């Protein structure tokens, strides 16, 4: 089971963003991340965000300060980029981009890429300096209504550099491919 959700409260200019993502396998939570961010619109399609991130898993848990940007770039690419400053002075950067290709008004293909980078090694959390991991996804959804859209797709992820060494040390696989199915909804 994996989840990736975000919600916001507020109006066009000021928002409280709540984001979470994580993964469970074999009855145990492998990854769990929560973010609470204040977002301020700086242009018609871009929000500046600042707040906190808490990684509950992997152990030990860690808290981060977050500074980021989220919005719609040229050619309708949805971008979410954030800089993280950790308790121990470590820094991380995440870049996420997705694009929606409409086949019809209801059938939509969404490719997505997410990359994570870290400034220092964190062996206890299995995170290495430099490029840590890349995740590529491809989802095909059908919008029953704009607010409700089931999807199917593929997801591939791989660890790199020092992170790959830590993952090997822990006896885990360096890359993972999944068939995904889910429900995208908003209200």
Protein backbone atom coordinates (compact mmCIF):
# COMPACT_ATOMS: atom_id res chain seq x y z
CA UNK A 1 0.00 0.00 0.00
CA UNK A 2 1.28 3.44 -0.81
CA UNK A 3 -0.25 6.87 -0.48
CA UNK A 4 0.49 10.34 -1.76
CA UNK A 5 -2.01 12.99 -0.74
CA UNK A 6 -2.17 16.73 -0.39
CA UNK A 7 -4.86 19.12 0.70
CA UNK A 8 -5.09 22.82 1.24
CA UNK A 9 -7.29 25.08 3.31
CA UNK A 10 -7.70 28.77 2.64
CA UNK A 11 -8.13 31.04 -0.35
CA UNK A 12 -6.19 31.93 -3.46
CA UNK A 13 -3.65 34.15 -1.70
CA UNK A 14 -2.97 32.32 1.61
CA UNK A 15 -3.23 28.57 2.14
CA UNK A 16 -2.38 25.91 4.69
CA UNK A 17 -0.99 22.94 2.74
CA UNK A 18 -1.06 19.44 4.27
CA UNK A 19 0.95 16.78 2.44
CA UNK A 20 1.65 13.16 3.24
CA UNK A 21 3.20 10.21 1.47
CA UNK A 22 4.31 6.79 2.54
CA UNK A 23 4.43 3.09 1.94
CA UNK A 24 3.44 -0.08 3.80
CA UNK A 25 4.64 -3.58 2.96
CA UNK A 26 4.07 -6.89 4.72
CA UNK A 27 1.99 -5.20 7.44
CA UNK A 28 4.71 -2.69 8.38
CA UNK A 29 5.10 0.98 7.52
CA UNK A 30 8.39 1.41 5.66
CA UNK A 31 8.09 5.12 4.91
CA UNK A 32 5.81 7.84 6.31
CA UNK A 33 6.21 11.56 5.79
CA UNK A 34 3.96 14.46 6.83
CA UNK A 35 4.25 18.14 5.90
CA UNK A 36 2.39 21.22 7.14
CA UNK A 37 3.16 24.30 5.05
CA UNK A 38 2.02 27.90 4.78
CA UNK A 39 1.56 28.81 1.12
CA UNK A 40 1.46 32.32 -0.28
CA UNK A 41 0.57 32.99 -3.91
CA UNK A 42 3.39 34.94 -5.57
CA UNK A 43 1.90 34.89 -9.07
CA UNK A 44 -1.17 33.56 -10.83
CA UNK A 45 0.15 29.98 -10.94
CA UNK A 46 2.82 29.76 -8.22
CA UNK A 47 2.81 29.37 -4.43
CA UNK A 48 5.80 29.97 -2.18
CA UNK A 49 5.68 27.47 0.71
CA UNK A 50 7.36 27.36 4.11
CA UNK A 51 6.74 24.98 7.00
CA UNK A 52 7.71 21.69 8.64
CA UNK A 53 8.21 18.09 7.51
CA UNK A 54 8.20 15.10 9.85
CA UNK A 55 9.55 11.72 8.74
CA UNK A 56 7.99 9.15 11.05
CA UNK A 57 9.62 6.30 9.13
CA UNK A 58 12.26 5.06 8.55
CA UNK A 59 13.50 5.11 12.11
CA UNK A 60 14.80 7.21 13.71
CA UNK A 61 12.20 9.89 12.98
CA UNK A 62 13.46 13.25 11.78
CA UNK A 63 12.08 16.78 11.52
CA UNK A 64 12.92 19.24 8.74
CA UNK A 65 12.26 22.90 7.97
CA UNK A 66 10.81 23.30 4.47
CA UNK A 67 11.09 26.08 1.89
CA UNK A 68 9.56 25.39 -1.50
CA UNK A 69 7.66 26.38 -4.61
CA UNK A 70 4.65 24.67 -6.15
CA UNK A 71 2.86 25.61 -9.32
CA UNK A 72 2.19 25.30 -13.00
CA UNK A 73 5.18 25.90 -15.29
CA UNK A 74 5.18 26.62 -19.01
CA UNK A 75 3.54 23.98 -21.19
CA UNK A 76 1.40 22.89 -18.20
CA UNK A 77 4.04 21.01 -16.21
CA UNK A 78 3.03 20.78 -12.53
CA UNK A 79 6.15 21.38 -10.43
CA UNK A 80 6.74 20.87 -6.70
CA UNK A 81 10.29 21.69 -5.55
CA UNK A 82 11.39 21.91 -1.92
CA UNK A 83 14.55 22.46 0.10
CA UNK A 84 14.70 20.67 3.48
CA UNK A 85 16.94 21.65 6.39
CA UNK A 86 17.23 18.86 8.99
CA UNK A 87 17.80 18.85 12.75
CA UNK A 88 21.41 17.72 12.34
CA UNK A 89 22.18 20.45 9.81
CA UNK A 90 21.67 18.12 6.87
CA UNK A 91 19.99 19.50 3.78
CA UNK A 92 17.83 17.79 1.20
CA UNK A 93 16.15 18.77 -2.03
CA UNK A 94 13.14 17.19 -3.73
CA UNK A 95 11.97 17.86 -7.26
CA UNK A 96 8.65 16.51 -8.53
CA UNK A 97 7.15 17.14 -11.98
CA UNK A 98 4.12 15.76 -13.75
CA UNK A 99 2.29 16.42 -16.98
CA UNK A 100 -1.25 15.56 -18.03
CA UNK A 101 -1.81 14.31 -21.58
CA UNK A 102 -5.51 14.37 -22.47
CA UNK A 103 -6.63 11.66 -24.91
CA UNK A 104 -10.25 12.71 -24.42
CA UNK A 105 -11.93 15.03 -21.93
CA UNK A 106 -12.11 12.11 -19.47
CA UNK A 107 -9.17 9.81 -20.33
CA UNK A 108 -5.87 11.28 -19.12
CA UNK A 109 -2.30 9.91 -19.07
CA UNK A 110 0.02 11.37 -16.40
CA UNK A 111 3.78 10.75 -16.45
CA UNK A 112 5.59 11.82 -13.25
CA UNK A 113 9.17 12.03 -11.98
CA UNK A 114 10.43 12.58 -8.44
CA UNK A 115 14.08 12.95 -7.43
CA UNK A 116 15.58 13.32 -3.94
CA UNK A 117 19.03 14.71 -3.15
CA UNK A 118 20.84 15.01 0.21
CA UNK A 119 23.94 16.97 1.24
CA UNK A 120 25.25 14.45 3.80
CA UNK A 121 25.10 10.74 4.51
CA UNK A 122 22.52 9.65 7.09
CA UNK A 123 23.30 5.92 7.52
CA UNK A 124 20.70 5.44 10.29
CA UNK A 125 17.94 6.54 7.85
CA UNK A 126 19.58 4.79 4.82
CA UNK A 127 20.01 8.12 3.00
CA UNK A 128 23.21 8.94 1.17
CA UNK A 129 24.69 12.18 -0.09
CA UNK A 130 24.06 13.27 -3.66
CA UNK A 131 21.27 11.78 -5.75
CA UNK A 132 19.44 9.45 -3.36
CA UNK A 133 16.58 8.06 -5.43
CA UNK A 134 14.44 8.53 -8.52
CA UNK A 135 10.85 7.47 -8.95
CA UNK A 136 9.10 7.38 -12.34
CA UNK A 137 5.37 6.85 -12.70
CA UNK A 138 2.84 6.57 -15.49
CA UNK A 139 -0.87 6.63 -14.64
CA UNK A 140 -3.92 6.39 -16.87
CA UNK A 141 -7.08 7.74 -15.27
CA UNK A 142 -10.69 8.00 -16.30
CA UNK A 143 -12.63 10.90 -14.84
CA UNK A 144 -16.12 9.67 -14.02
CA UNK A 145 -16.62 13.23 -12.83
CA UNK A 146 -13.85 15.80 -12.47
CA UNK A 147 -13.81 15.07 -8.73
CA UNK A 148 -13.62 11.25 -8.99
CA UNK A 149 -11.16 9.41 -11.23
CA UNK A 150 -9.96 5.80 -10.84
CA UNK A 151 -6.54 5.08 -12.33
CA UNK A 152 -4.13 2.28 -13.22
CA UNK A 153 -0.44 2.60 -13.91
CA UNK A 154 3.16 1.61 -13.47
CA UNK A 155 5.73 2.91 -11.00
CA UNK A 156 9.47 2.34 -10.98
CA UNK A 157 11.94 3.55 -8.35
CA UNK A 158 15.66 3.11 -7.83
CA UNK A 159 18.27 4.13 -5.24
CA UNK A 160 21.61 5.61 -6.28
CA UNK A 161 25.02 6.45 -4.85
CA UNK A 162 25.55 6.11 -1.12
CA UNK A 163 21.83 5.50 -0.59
CA UNK A 164 22.17 2.38 -2.74
CA UNK A 165 24.99 1.18 -0.47
CA UNK A 166 22.84 1.66 2.62
CA UNK A 167 19.91 -0.13 1.00
CA UNK A 168 22.18 -3.06 0.06
CA UNK A 169 23.51 -3.11 3.65
CA UNK A 170 19.91 -3.43 4.90
CA UNK A 171 19.30 -6.37 2.56
CA UNK A 172 16.72 -4.55 0.43
CA UNK A 173 16.31 -4.28 -3.35
CA UNK A 174 17.87 -1.28 -5.15
CA UNK A 175 15.04 -0.92 -7.64
CA UNK A 176 11.36 -1.68 -7.50
CA UNK A 177 8.62 -1.89 -10.13
CA UNK A 178 4.94 -1.85 -9.28
CA UNK A 179 1.59 -1.98 -10.95
CA UNK A 180 -0.60 0.58 -9.27
CA UNK A 181 -4.34 1.16 -9.09
CA UNK A 182 -6.15 3.77 -7.11
CA UNK A 183 -8.61 6.59 -6.89
CA UNK A 184 -7.85 10.24 -7.43
CA UNK A 185 -10.45 12.53 -5.89
CA UNK A 186 -10.98 16.09 -4.75
CA UNK A 187 -13.84 18.02 -3.24
